[in-house]
N, C-alpha and C. Protein backbone atom coordinates (compact mmCIF):
# COMPACT_ATOMS: atom_id res chain seq x y z
N MET A 1 1.42 12.29 2.42
CA MET A 1 0.59 11.38 2.02
C MET A 1 0.04 10.43 3.52
N MET A 2 -1.30 10.38 3.04
CA MET A 2 -1.97 9.46 4.27
C MET A 2 -1.67 8.14 4.25
N ALA A 3 -1.50 7.57 5.47
CA ALA A 3 -1.13 6.15 5.28
C ALA A 3 -2.06 5.13 4.54
N GLY A 4 -3.08 5.41 5.12
CA GLY A 4 -4.32 4.54 4.16
C GLY A 4 -4.03 4.59 2.77
N GLU A 5 -3.76 5.69 2.21
CA GLU A 5 -3.68 5.81 0.74
C GLU A 5 -2.36 5.08 0.21
N GLY A 6 -1.35 5.12 1.08
CA GLY A 6 -0.01 4.16 0.61
C GLY A 6 -0.37 3.08 0.89
N PHE A 7 -1.07 2.21 1.64
CA PHE A 7 -1.41 1.05 1.78
C PHE A 7 -2.23 0.63 0.64
N ARG A 8 -3.45 1.34 0.42
CA ARG A 8 -3.98 0.90 -0.57
C ARG A 8 -3.56 1.01 -2.18
N LEU A 9 -2.59 1.83 -2.26
CA LEU A 9 -1.86 1.72 -3.70
C LEU A 9 -0.94 0.47 -3.47
N LEU A 10 -0.40 -0.02 -2.68
CA LEU A 10 0.51 -1.11 -2.50
C LEU A 10 -0.32 -2.38 -2.73
N ALA A 11 -1.56 -2.41 -2.00
CA ALA A 11 -2.55 -3.47 -2.45
C ALA A 11 -2.95 -3.66 -3.72
N LYS A 12 -2.69 -2.31 -4.42
CA LYS A 12 -3.26 -2.47 -5.96
C LYS A 12 -2.13 -2.70 -6.72
N GLY A 13 -0.92 -2.88 -6.08
CA GLY A 13 0.30 -3.18 -6.94
C GLY A 13 0.89 -1.95 -7.52
N ILE A 14 0.76 -0.76 -6.85
CA ILE A 14 1.44 0.45 -7.42
C ILE A 14 2.63 0.75 -6.23
N HIS A 15 3.54 1.29 -6.66
CA HIS A 15 4.22 2.06 -5.94
C HIS A 15 4.08 3.18 -5.36
N PRO A 16 3.78 3.47 -4.28
CA PRO A 16 3.40 4.75 -3.56
C PRO A 16 3.91 6.13 -3.77
N GLU A 17 5.20 5.89 -4.13
CA GLU A 17 6.02 7.17 -4.52
C GLU A 17 5.95 7.54 -5.73
N THR A 18 6.38 6.54 -6.69
CA THR A 18 6.52 6.73 -7.93
C THR A 18 5.46 6.56 -9.16
N GLY A 19 4.51 5.75 -8.42
CA GLY A 19 3.38 5.82 -9.31
C GLY A 19 3.57 4.23 -10.27
N GLU A 20 4.57 3.76 -10.05
CA GLU A 20 4.77 2.83 -11.12
C GLU A 20 4.35 1.18 -10.55
N PRO A 21 4.11 0.65 -11.64
CA PRO A 21 3.52 -0.79 -11.14
C PRO A 21 4.81 -1.65 -10.48
N LEU A 22 4.20 -2.34 -9.43
CA LEU A 22 5.42 -3.30 -8.90
C LEU A 22 5.59 -4.20 -9.76
N THR A 23 6.79 -4.94 -9.57
CA THR A 23 6.98 -6.15 -10.27
C THR A 23 6.30 -7.27 -10.07
N PRO A 24 6.07 -8.07 -11.19
CA PRO A 24 4.76 -9.26 -10.81
C PRO A 24 5.39 -10.23 -9.77
N GLY A 25 6.55 -10.54 -9.32
CA GLY A 25 7.07 -11.08 -8.40
C GLY A 25 7.12 -10.73 -7.17
N ALA A 26 6.68 -9.47 -6.89
CA ALA A 26 6.50 -8.60 -5.60
C ALA A 26 5.79 -9.39 -4.55
N VAL A 27 6.22 -9.37 -3.39
CA VAL A 27 5.40 -10.06 -2.42
C VAL A 27 3.96 -9.53 -2.19
N VAL A 28 3.80 -8.40 -2.59
CA VAL A 28 2.73 -7.50 -2.33
C VAL A 28 1.26 -8.30 -3.38
N HIS A 29 1.83 -9.18 -4.06
CA HIS A 29 0.87 -9.49 -5.04
C HIS A 29 0.17 -11.08 -4.64
N SER A 30 0.70 -11.28 -3.41
CA SER A 30 -0.14 -12.67 -2.78
C SER A 30 -1.36 -12.12 -2.29
N PRO A 31 -2.21 -13.10 -2.02
CA PRO A 31 -3.46 -13.03 -1.61
C PRO A 31 -3.54 -12.39 -0.07
N GLU A 32 -2.62 -12.97 0.70
CA GLU A 32 -2.59 -12.67 2.00
C GLU A 32 -2.14 -11.19 2.53
N ALA A 33 -1.02 -10.92 1.58
CA ALA A 33 -0.47 -9.53 1.43
C ALA A 33 -1.65 -8.31 0.88
N ILE A 34 -2.42 -8.64 0.13
CA ILE A 34 -3.37 -7.86 -0.39
C ILE A 34 -4.39 -7.50 0.66
N ARG A 35 -4.79 -8.84 1.24
CA ARG A 35 -5.92 -8.58 2.27
C ARG A 35 -5.20 -7.72 3.87
N LEU A 36 -4.03 -8.08 3.79
CA LEU A 36 -3.40 -7.37 5.01
C LEU A 36 -2.96 -5.77 4.80
N LEU A 37 -2.66 -5.54 3.45
CA LEU A 37 -2.58 -4.17 2.81
C LEU A 37 -4.01 -3.44 3.04
N PHE A 38 -4.96 -4.00 2.79
CA PHE A 38 -6.35 -3.19 2.82
C PHE A 38 -6.62 -3.26 4.33
N LEU A 39 -6.55 -4.25 5.18
CA LEU A 39 -6.87 -3.92 6.43
C LEU A 39 -5.99 -2.69 7.25
N LEU A 40 -4.70 -2.76 6.86
CA LEU A 40 -3.92 -1.79 7.28
C LEU A 40 -4.29 -0.33 6.72
N ALA A 41 -4.96 -0.36 5.71
CA ALA A 41 -5.55 0.91 4.85
C ALA A 41 -6.65 1.58 5.77
N GLU A 42 -7.26 0.56 6.11
CA GLU A 42 -8.59 0.98 6.76
C GLU A 42 -8.32 1.43 8.07
N GLU A 43 -7.45 0.61 8.86
CA GLU A 43 -6.60 1.22 10.25
C GLU A 43 -6.27 2.45 10.28
N PHE A 44 -5.47 2.46 9.33
CA PHE A 44 -4.57 3.93 9.22
C PHE A 44 -4.94 4.78 8.19
N SER A 45 -6.14 4.90 8.12
CA SER A 45 -7.01 6.10 7.04
C SER A 45 -6.69 7.14 7.46
N PHE A 46 -6.63 7.64 8.67
CA PHE A 46 -6.31 9.22 9.10
C PHE A 46 -5.06 9.35 9.65
N THR A 47 -4.16 8.46 9.28
CA THR A 47 -2.82 8.74 9.70
C THR A 47 -1.64 9.17 8.49
N ARG A 48 -1.03 10.15 8.91
CA ARG A 48 -0.14 10.69 7.89
C ARG A 48 1.11 10.08 8.21
N PHE A 49 1.73 9.80 7.00
CA PHE A 49 3.12 9.30 7.04
C PHE A 49 4.12 10.76 7.01
N CYS A 50 5.19 10.81 8.04
CA CYS A 50 6.06 11.47 7.94
C CYS A 50 7.32 11.43 7.03
N SER A 51 7.74 12.60 6.71
CA SER A 51 9.01 12.44 5.70
C SER A 51 10.20 12.42 6.67
N ILE A 52 11.22 11.21 6.20
CA ILE A 52 12.21 11.23 7.22
C ILE A 52 13.48 12.07 6.65
């Protein structure tokens, strides 16, 4: 998965590995986190996450 795609999914409140919605209380739902995740998605749009 490309890093940008993972960050965009998180910004939309979706778990990038399962596709399930994140819980309503998750920190990614705060406006600051959403802005940061979209910025990270743009910055790392051509970076691939490696499996560990």
